[in-house]
Structures are given as structure tokens and as C-alpha cells.
Amino acid sequence: MTTGDSRNRREVIVSALAVALVAAASRGRTSAQEADGDRLPRGEVPSTGGARPGPIGPLPATVEAPPATAPRGVPPVAIQIEQAAVDAAVERVQIVDGVMQNPSGPWVVSWYEDLAAPGQGSNVVMAGHVDYWDVGPAVFQGLESLVRGDLIRVFGEDETVFAYAVEWMENVVVADLTPEQIQELVGATEQESLTLITCKIGTFDPAIGEYLERFVLRANGVS
């Protein structure tokens, strides 16, 4: 496959992504939490977790992945956010038929390998559940407690540690997202960035099994 073919394939994949960003949410489990298991507090309206239907609609063609000329990057294997009690494994998740697949469980964070990888100088996109069916609070339950400047560490499979500082956070209503907002959230960036997506606990639609809002956090790479 030529460089041009590879770039075209990536642009097609990204342009087919869903507006919903990912119905998400998960929280890094410590050894003590593993032992507590079902004794973890349950959310008032637990989401259906992995049973969610996934993203709602395709992203506009204006959303772009990193160019083929970008550095290779390093696949992530773990993420730590001390202030949010996150210490979780990172799984590789693909975009299948234009759909960003949901995290496979409550305690794992998903990285979309069709997009940027850490060290590639662009937007690394990850998602985790905020609560989960029959579990309650999950890996990203503490994400909203973060403030600007808080540190996030992502560990690569080659043992490289990538550090990011929280830059901004916002709540978005999935149905109201414009093409410009979608580009800002999940499109390529001109600097090393990390975007974390989870559900915003609030309005829950039982018909589709998901919250109608997302909490999105952007962090930028630091030396």
C-alpha cells in the first residue's frame, strides 16, 4: 500500500466515525477495589455499559486523522491519573464500519488505534465508562474532579511514559454537536494531545441505554 493509499484509508475511517464520540465510562481499579467487587457503590441510574449501541451518527468528512507523514507513535498500555483515582490498563479498540467501539468492561480504558498514538504529535483519543451495568461507578467516575494543570500519565508498550496536563473540560450534548465541535474534540491536533471521553451522568435514555451527554477532557503534552 502506498503512502497515499494509507492516508486515504485513514481519512475514510475517521470521516465515518460517530458523532456520539463513544458512549463511555470506566474507572481504574486498584487491588483493594478488586477485592471489594460488588460492594462498590452503585450509581442511581447505571448505564448499560458494554451493551450500549455505540456512537449515534457518522462524523463529517472534515474530521481528519494525523497525516501519514506524522511520527509512528507508541501504542499505550496503561493510564494513571492520581487526582481521579485512575490506574487502569489500556486496551486497543478499532473503528468498525465507522463505529467507535465501546470499552470492553468497567475497569479498562479504550484507545482508538485508528487515530493518533502517544508520541505522534496529535490527538490521542481514549474512552472509559463512568458507570456500568451491575457494577455502578466505573473507571472514569472521578474524571470530573480534575482541574486545569492536573497530570495524566500514559505508559507506552515500549515503557515510554507520556505526560499530559489538563487544559480544558466540557460537557456536550451528543445530538447538538456541530461539525466544528466534533473536529475540535476528536480530530487531529497540531500538538501532542490527549482527549478522554466518558458519559456525563444526568439525563439517561432507557430506550437506547445511554446518557445523552458526554464529558470531554483535553490535556496537552508536557516535557
C-alpha atoms as a PDB file:
ATOM      1  CA  MET A   1       0.000   0.000   0.000  1.00  0.00           C
ATOM      2  CA  THR A   2       1.383   3.389  -0.918  1.00  0.00           C
ATOM      3  CA  THR A   3       1.606   6.348   1.450  1.00  0.00           C
ATOM      4  CA  GLY A   4      -1.269   7.985  -0.419  1.00  0.00           C
ATOM      5  CA  ASP A   5      -3.428   4.859  -0.092  1.00  0.00           C
ATOM      6  CA  SER A   6      -2.705   4.676   3.650  1.00  0.00           C
ATOM      7  CA  ARG A   7      -3.625   8.306   4.158  1.00  0.00           C
ATOM      8  CA  ASN A   8      -6.830   7.954   2.168  1.00  0.00           C
ATOM      9  CA  ARG A   9      -7.810   4.872   4.181  1.00  0.00           C
ATOM     10  CA  ARG A  10      -7.263   6.717   7.437  1.00  0.00           C
ATOM     11  CA  GLU A  11      -9.279   9.734   6.300  1.00  0.00           C
ATOM     12  CA  VAL A  12     -12.142   7.478   5.238  1.00  0.00           C
ATOM     13  CA  ILE A  13     -12.103   5.716   8.609  1.00  0.00           C
ATOM     14  CA  VAL A  14     -12.157   8.969  10.549  1.00  0.00           C
ATOM     15  CA  SER A  15     -14.813  10.602   8.387  1.00  0.00           C
ATOM     16  CA  ALA A  16     -17.037   7.613   9.108  1.00  0.00           C
ATOM     17  CA  LEU A  17     -16.697   7.875  12.897  1.00  0.00           C
ATOM     18  CA  ALA A  18     -19.729   8.561  15.009  1.00  0.00           C
ATOM     19  CA  VAL A  19     -20.849  11.920  16.347  1.00  0.00           C
ATOM     20  CA  ALA A  20     -21.558  10.352  19.701  1.00  0.00           C
ATOM     21  CA  LEU A  21     -17.836  10.130  20.383  1.00  0.00           C
ATOM     22  CA  VAL A  22     -18.375   6.967  22.368  1.00  0.00           C
ATOM     23  CA  ALA A  23     -20.971   6.210  24.901  1.00  0.00           C
ATOM     24  CA  ALA A  24     -18.380   5.540  27.536  1.00  0.00           C
ATOM     25  CA  ALA A  25     -17.158   5.375  31.014  1.00  0.00           C
ATOM     26  CA  SER A  26     -14.805   3.197  33.179  1.00  0.00           C
ATOM     27  CA  ARG A  27     -12.550   3.586  36.292  1.00  0.00           C
ATOM     28  CA  GLY A  28      -9.106   2.144  37.088  1.00  0.00           C
ATOM     29  CA  ARG A  29      -9.445  -0.499  39.744  1.00  0.00           C
ATOM     30  CA  THR A  30      -6.838  -0.917  42.472  1.00  0.00           C
ATOM     31  CA  SER A  31      -6.153  -4.259  44.179  1.00  0.00           C
ATOM     32  CA  ALA A  32      -8.339  -3.227  47.115  1.00  0.00           C
ATOM     33  CA  GLN A  33     -11.187  -2.350  44.794  1.00  0.00           C
ATOM     34  CA  GLU A  34     -10.881  -5.708  43.068  1.00  0.00           C
ATOM     35  CA  ALA A  35     -11.318  -7.343  46.465  1.00  0.00           C
ATOM     36  CA  ASP A  36     -14.392  -5.210  47.266  1.00  0.00           C
ATOM     37  CA  GLY A  37     -16.046  -6.191  43.990  1.00  0.00           C
ATOM     38  CA  ASP A  38     -19.820  -5.814  44.249  1.00  0.00           C
ATOM     39  CA  ARG A  39     -19.533  -3.718  47.408  1.00  0.00           C
ATOM     40  CA  LEU A  40     -18.621  -0.686  45.297  1.00  0.00           C
ATOM     41  CA  PRO A  41     -21.425   1.926  45.464  1.00  0.00           C
ATOM     42  CA  ARG A  42     -23.890   1.747  42.607  1.00  0.00           C
ATOM     43  CA  GLY A  43     -24.938   4.711  40.512  1.00  0.00           C
ATOM     44  CA  GLU A  44     -28.535   5.896  40.762  1.00  0.00           C
ATOM     45  CA  VAL A  45     -29.176   5.010  37.130  1.00  0.00           C
ATOM     46  CA  PRO A  46     -26.396   2.656  35.990  1.00  0.00           C
ATOM     47  CA  SER A  47     -25.794   2.716  32.279  1.00  0.00           C
ATOM     48  CA  THR A  48     -25.904  -0.482  30.284  1.00  0.00           C
ATOM     49  CA  GLY A  49     -22.138  -0.396  29.869  1.00  0.00           C
ATOM     50  CA  GLY A  50     -20.889  -2.594  27.067  1.00  0.00           C
ATOM     51  CA  ALA A  51     -24.441  -3.232  25.894  1.00  0.00           C
ATOM     52  CA  ARG A  52     -24.748   0.322  24.594  1.00  0.00           C
ATOM     53  CA  PRO A  53     -25.402   0.714  20.873  1.00  0.00           C
ATOM     54  CA  GLY A  54     -22.305   2.856  20.470  1.00  0.00           C
ATOM     55  CA  PRO A  55     -21.972   6.160  18.585  1.00  0.00           C
ATOM     56  CA  ILE A  56     -25.063   7.645  17.024  1.00  0.00           C
ATOM     57  CA  GLY A  57     -24.086   9.027  13.632  1.00  0.00           C
ATOM     58  CA  PRO A  58     -21.156   9.500  11.235  1.00  0.00           C
ATOM     59  CA  LEU A  59     -18.650  12.275  11.680  1.00  0.00           C
ATOM     60  CA  PRO A  60     -18.427  14.843   8.883  1.00  0.00           C
ATOM     61  CA  ALA A  61     -15.700  14.425   6.302  1.00  0.00           C
ATOM     62  CA  THR A  62     -13.950  17.491   7.724  1.00  0.00           C
ATOM     63  CA  VAL A  63     -12.679  15.494  10.692  1.00  0.00           C
ATOM     64  CA  GLU A  64      -9.121  14.429   9.961  1.00  0.00           C
ATOM     65  CA  ALA A  65      -6.708  11.892  11.378  1.00  0.00           C
ATOM     66  CA  PRO A  66      -2.979  12.636  11.672  1.00  0.00           C
ATOM     67  CA  PRO A  67      -1.259  12.828   8.280  1.00  0.00           C
ATOM     68  CA  ALA A  68       0.698   9.844   7.007  1.00  0.00           C
ATOM     69  CA  THR A  69       3.888  11.856   7.477  1.00  0.00           C
ATOM     70  CA  ALA A  70       3.376  12.051  11.274  1.00  0.00           C
ATOM     71  CA  PRO A  71       5.755  10.114  13.572  1.00  0.00           C
ATOM     72  CA  ARG A  72       4.861   6.486  14.213  1.00  0.00           C
ATOM     73  CA  GLY A  73       3.858   6.856  17.875  1.00  0.00           C
ATOM     74  CA  VAL A  74       3.775   4.240  20.635  1.00  0.00           C
ATOM     75  CA  PRO A  75       0.716   2.095  21.488  1.00  0.00           C
ATOM     76  CA  PRO A  76      -0.394   2.797  25.083  1.00  0.00           C
ATOM     77  CA  VAL A  77      -0.839   0.020  27.643  1.00  0.00           C
ATOM     78  CA  ALA A  78      -1.794   1.880  30.839  1.00  0.00           C
ATOM     79  CA  ILE A  79      -3.024   5.240  32.123  1.00  0.00           C
ATOM     80  CA  GLN A  80      -2.667   6.848  35.551  1.00  0.00           C
ATOM     81  CA  ILE A  81      -4.485   9.934  36.862  1.00  0.00           C
ATOM     82  CA  GLU A  82      -3.694  10.298  40.551  1.00  0.00           C
ATOM     83  CA  GLN A  83      -6.218  13.050  41.275  1.00  0.00           C
ATOM     84  CA  ALA A  84      -9.054  10.983  39.758  1.00  0.00           C
ATOM     85  CA  ALA A  85      -8.002   7.621  41.262  1.00  0.00           C
ATOM     86  CA  VAL A  86      -7.426   6.149  37.810  1.00  0.00           C
ATOM     87  CA  ASP A  87      -4.820   3.406  37.445  1.00  0.00           C
ATOM     88  CA  ALA A  88      -6.023   1.322  34.545  1.00  0.00           C
ATOM     89  CA  ALA A  89      -4.961  -0.858  31.681  1.00  0.00           C
ATOM     90  CA  VAL A  90      -5.478   0.495  28.174  1.00  0.00           C
ATOM     91  CA  GLU A  91      -6.923  -1.762  25.502  1.00  0.00           C
ATOM     92  CA  ARG A  92      -6.708  -1.305  21.749  1.00  0.00           C
ATOM     93  CA  VAL A  93     -10.086  -0.690  20.166  1.00  0.00           C
ATOM     94  CA  GLN A  94     -10.799  -0.366  16.476  1.00  0.00           C
ATOM     95  CA  ILE A  95     -13.308   1.591  14.477  1.00  0.00           C
ATOM     96  CA  VAL A  96     -15.556  -0.991  12.854  1.00  0.00           C
ATOM     97  CA  ASP A  97     -17.793   0.058   9.959  1.00  0.00           C
ATOM     98  CA  GLY A  98     -17.486   3.659  11.064  1.00  0.00           C
ATOM     99  CA  VAL A  99     -18.360   2.958  14.709  1.00  0.00           C
ATOM    100  CA  MET A 100     -16.053   3.706  17.647  1.00  0.00           C
ATOM    101  CA  GLN A 101     -16.339   0.538  19.693  1.00  0.00           C
ATOM    102  CA  ASN A 102     -17.141   0.837  23.393  1.00  0.00           C
ATOM    103  CA  PRO A 103     -14.714  -0.129  26.174  1.00  0.00           C
ATOM    104  CA  SER A 104     -14.990  -3.850  26.866  1.00  0.00           C
ATOM    105  CA  GLY A 105     -15.541  -3.508  30.605  1.00  0.00           C
ATOM    106  CA  PRO A 106     -15.886  -1.142  33.571  1.00  0.00           C
ATOM    107  CA  TRP A 107     -12.225  -1.023  34.594  1.00  0.00           C
ATOM    108  CA  VAL A 108     -10.410  -0.670  31.279  1.00  0.00           C
ATOM    109  CA  VAL A 109      -9.777   2.416  29.126  1.00  0.00           C
ATOM    110  CA  SER A 110     -10.058   2.133  25.351  1.00  0.00           C
ATOM    111  CA  TRP A 111      -7.614   3.705  22.913  1.00  0.00           C
ATOM    112  CA  TYR A 112      -8.741   4.144  19.301  1.00  0.00           C
ATOM    113  CA  GLU A 113      -5.786   2.803  17.383  1.00  0.00           C
ATOM    114  CA  ASP A 114      -7.158   4.058  14.062  1.00  0.00           C
ATOM    115  CA  LEU A 115      -6.435   7.571  15.329  1.00  0.00           C
ATOM    116  CA  ALA A 116      -3.244   9.037  16.816  1.00  0.00           C
ATOM    117  CA  ALA A 117      -0.890   7.172  19.154  1.00  0.00           C
ATOM    118  CA  PRO A 118       1.075   8.754  22.002  1.00  0.00           C
ATOM    119  CA  GLY A 119       4.216  10.405  20.699  1.00  0.00           C
ATOM    120  CA  GLN A 120       2.697  11.054  17.285  1.00  0.00           C
ATOM    121  CA  GLY A 121       2.240  14.756  17.986  1.00  0.00           C
ATOM    122  CA  SER A 122      -1.521  14.730  17.534  1.00  0.00           C
ATOM    123  CA  ASN A 123      -4.799  13.924  19.310  1.00  0.00           C
ATOM    124  CA  VAL A 124      -4.777  10.621  21.205  1.00  0.00           C
ATOM    125  CA  VAL A 125      -8.421   9.674  21.855  1.00  0.00           C
ATOM    126  CA  MET A 126      -9.457   7.369  24.705  1.00  0.00           C
ATOM    127  CA  ALA A 127     -12.756   6.489  26.366  1.00  0.00           C
ATOM    128  CA  GLY A 128     -13.873   4.826  29.569  1.00  0.00           C
ATOM    129  CA  HIS A 129     -17.125   4.071  31.364  1.00  0.00           C
ATOM    130  CA  VAL A 130     -18.383   6.343  34.152  1.00  0.00           C
ATOM    131  CA  ASP A 131     -20.658   3.601  35.447  1.00  0.00           C
ATOM    132  CA  TYR A 132     -21.519   0.106  34.310  1.00  0.00           C
ATOM    133  CA  TRP A 133     -24.405  -2.290  34.379  1.00  0.00           C
ATOM    134  CA  ASP A 134     -24.495  -4.327  37.634  1.00  0.00           C
ATOM    135  CA  VAL A 135     -21.300  -2.630  38.839  1.00  0.00           C
ATOM    136  CA  GLY A 136     -22.040   1.030  39.493  1.00  0.00           C
ATOM    137  CA  PRO A 137     -19.238   3.652  39.367  1.00  0.00           C
ATOM    138  CA  ALA A 138     -16.512   2.689  36.904  1.00  0.00           C
ATOM    139  CA  VAL A 139     -13.020   3.751  35.761  1.00  0.00           C
ATOM    140  CA  PHE A 140     -13.739   7.382  34.843  1.00  0.00           C
ATOM    141  CA  GLN A 141     -16.112   8.127  37.744  1.00  0.00           C
ATOM    142  CA  GLY A 142     -13.628  10.667  39.149  1.00  0.00           C
ATOM    143  CA  LEU A 143     -12.747  12.400  35.895  1.00  0.00           C
ATOM    144  CA  GLU A 144     -14.906  15.455  36.566  1.00  0.00           C
ATOM    145  CA  SER A 145     -12.975  16.194  39.760  1.00  0.00           C
ATOM    146  CA  LEU A 146      -9.886  17.162  37.770  1.00  0.00           C
ATOM    147  CA  VAL A 147      -8.809  20.766  37.285  1.00  0.00           C
ATOM    148  CA  ARG A 148      -6.619  22.512  34.774  1.00  0.00           C
ATOM    149  CA  GLY A 149      -2.982  21.525  35.190  1.00  0.00           C
ATOM    150  CA  ASP A 150      -3.618  18.107  36.739  1.00  0.00           C
ATOM    151  CA  LEU A 151      -1.206  15.494  35.422  1.00  0.00           C
ATOM    152  CA  ILE A 152      -2.112  12.429  33.366  1.00  0.00           C
ATOM    153  CA  ARG A 153       0.463   9.736  32.604  1.00  0.00           C
ATOM    154  CA  VAL A 154       0.149   7.315  29.714  1.00  0.00           C
ATOM    155  CA  PHE A 155       2.514   4.355  29.551  1.00  0.00           C
ATOM    156  CA  GLY A 156       3.627   3.023  26.174  1.00  0.00           C
ATOM    157  CA  GLU A 157       4.314  -0.605  25.339  1.00  0.00           C
ATOM    158  CA  ASP A 158       7.995   0.291  24.984  1.00  0.00           C
ATOM    159  CA  GLU A 159       7.957   1.650  28.585  1.00  0.00           C
ATOM    160  CA  THR A 160       7.958   5.277  27.445  1.00  0.00           C
ATOM    161  CA  VAL A 161       5.933   7.493  29.789  1.00  0.00           C
ATOM    162  CA  PHE A 162       3.945  10.313  28.172  1.00  0.00           C
ATOM    163  CA  ALA A 163       2.838  13.151  30.443  1.00  0.00           C
ATOM    164  CA  TYR A 164      -0.142  15.394  29.744  1.00  0.00           C
ATOM    165  CA  ALA A 165      -1.563  18.344  31.692  1.00  0.00           C
ATOM    166  CA  VAL A 166      -5.296  19.002  31.735  1.00  0.00           C
ATOM    167  CA  GLU A 167      -6.105  22.004  29.547  1.00  0.00           C
ATOM    168  CA  TRP A 168      -9.907  22.129  29.408  1.00  0.00           C
ATOM    169  CA  MET A 169     -13.052  20.154  30.130  1.00  0.00           C
ATOM    170  CA  GLU A 170     -16.578  20.492  28.829  1.00  0.00           C
ATOM    171  CA  ASN A 171     -19.961  18.810  28.744  1.00  0.00           C
ATOM    172  CA  VAL A 172     -21.538  18.262  25.350  1.00  0.00           C
ATOM    173  CA  VAL A 173     -24.973  17.117  24.273  1.00  0.00           C
ATOM    174  CA  VAL A 174     -24.395  14.486  21.617  1.00  0.00           C
ATOM    175  CA  ALA A 175     -27.371  15.489  19.468  1.00  0.00           C
ATOM    176  CA  ASP A 176     -26.297  19.144  19.447  1.00  0.00           C
ATOM    177  CA  LEU A 177     -22.716  18.683  18.283  1.00  0.00           C
ATOM    178  CA  THR A 178     -21.758  20.663  15.179  1.00  0.00           C
ATOM    179  CA  PRO A 179     -19.101  19.569  12.657  1.00  0.00           C
ATOM    180  CA  GLU A 180     -16.777  22.228  14.065  1.00  0.00           C
ATOM    181  CA  GLN A 181     -17.186  20.926  17.609  1.00  0.00           C
ATOM    182  CA  ILE A 182     -16.610  17.350  16.508  1.00  0.00           C
ATOM    183  CA  GLN A 183     -13.411  18.364  14.750  1.00  0.00           C
ATOM    184  CA  GLU A 184     -12.207  20.106  17.896  1.00  0.00           C
ATOM    185  CA  LEU A 185     -12.945  17.088  20.057  1.00  0.00           C
ATOM    186  CA  VAL A 186     -11.682  14.091  18.089  1.00  0.00           C
ATOM    187  CA  GLY A 187      -9.878  15.464  15.047  1.00  0.00           C
ATOM    188  CA  ALA A 188      -6.122  15.737  14.596  1.00  0.00           C
ATOM    189  CA  THR A 189      -4.285  18.437  16.533  1.00  0.00           C
ATOM    190  CA  GLU A 190      -1.039  20.263  15.826  1.00  0.00           C
ATOM    191  CA  GLN A 191       0.499  19.282  19.145  1.00  0.00           C
ATOM    192  CA  GLU A 192       0.706  16.224  21.375  1.00  0.00           C
ATOM    193  CA  SER A 193      -2.739  15.995  22.980  1.00  0.00           C
ATOM    194  CA  LEU A 194      -4.905  13.526  24.864  1.00  0.00           C
ATOM    195  CA  THR A 195      -8.698  13.523  24.741  1.00  0.00           C
ATOM    196  CA  LEU A 196     -10.628  11.484  27.308  1.00  0.00           C
ATOM    197  CA  ILE A 197     -14.334  10.855  26.791  1.00  0.00           C
ATOM    198  CA  THR A 198     -16.905   9.490  29.189  1.00  0.00           C
ATOM    199  CA  CYS A 199     -20.625   9.826  29.778  1.00  0.00           C
ATOM    200  CA  LYS A 200     -21.977  12.755  31.739  1.00  0.00           C
ATOM    201  CA  ILE A 201     -24.261  11.403  34.444  1.00  0.00           C
ATOM    202  CA  GLY A 202     -27.569  13.179  34.046  1.00  0.00           C
ATOM    203  CA  THR A 203     -30.310  12.582  31.504  1.00  0.00           C
ATOM    204  CA  PHE A 204     -30.478   8.864  30.763  1.00  0.00           C
ATOM    205  CA  ASP A 205     -32.465   7.463  27.858  1.00  0.00           C
ATOM    206  CA  PRO A 206     -33.510   3.872  28.713  1.00  0.00           C
ATOM    207  CA  ALA A 207     -34.746   3.325  25.152  1.00  0.00           C
ATOM    208  CA  ILE A 208     -31.209   3.493  23.784  1.00  0.00           C
ATOM    209  CA  GLY A 209     -29.426   2.576  27.008  1.00  0.00           C
ATOM    210  CA  GLU A 210     -27.158   5.606  27.313  1.00  0.00           C
ATOM    211  CA  TYR A 211     -26.704   9.077  28.710  1.00  0.00           C
ATOM    212  CA  LEU A 212     -27.404  11.925  26.315  1.00  0.00           C
ATOM    213  CA  GLU A 213     -24.364  13.987  27.303  1.00  0.00           C
ATOM    214  CA  ARG A 214     -20.619  13.402  27.269  1.00  0.00           C
ATOM    215  CA  PHE A 215     -17.887  14.770  29.495  1.00  0.00           C
ATOM    216  CA  VAL A 216     -14.823  15.538  27.382  1.00  0.00           C
ATOM    217  CA  LEU A 217     -11.363  16.364  28.741  1.00  0.00           C
ATOM    218  CA  ARG A 218      -8.427  17.678  26.736  1.00  0.00           C
ATOM    219  CA  ALA A 219      -4.871  17.515  28.029  1.00  0.00           C
ATOM    220  CA  ASN A 220      -1.744  18.671  26.247  1.00  0.00           C
ATOM    221  CA  GLY A 221       1.660  17.017  26.303  1.00  0.00           C
ATOM    222  CA  VAL A 222       4.290  18.318  28.730  1.00  0.00           C
ATOM    223  CA  SER A 223       8.011  17.656  28.883  1.00  0.00           C
END
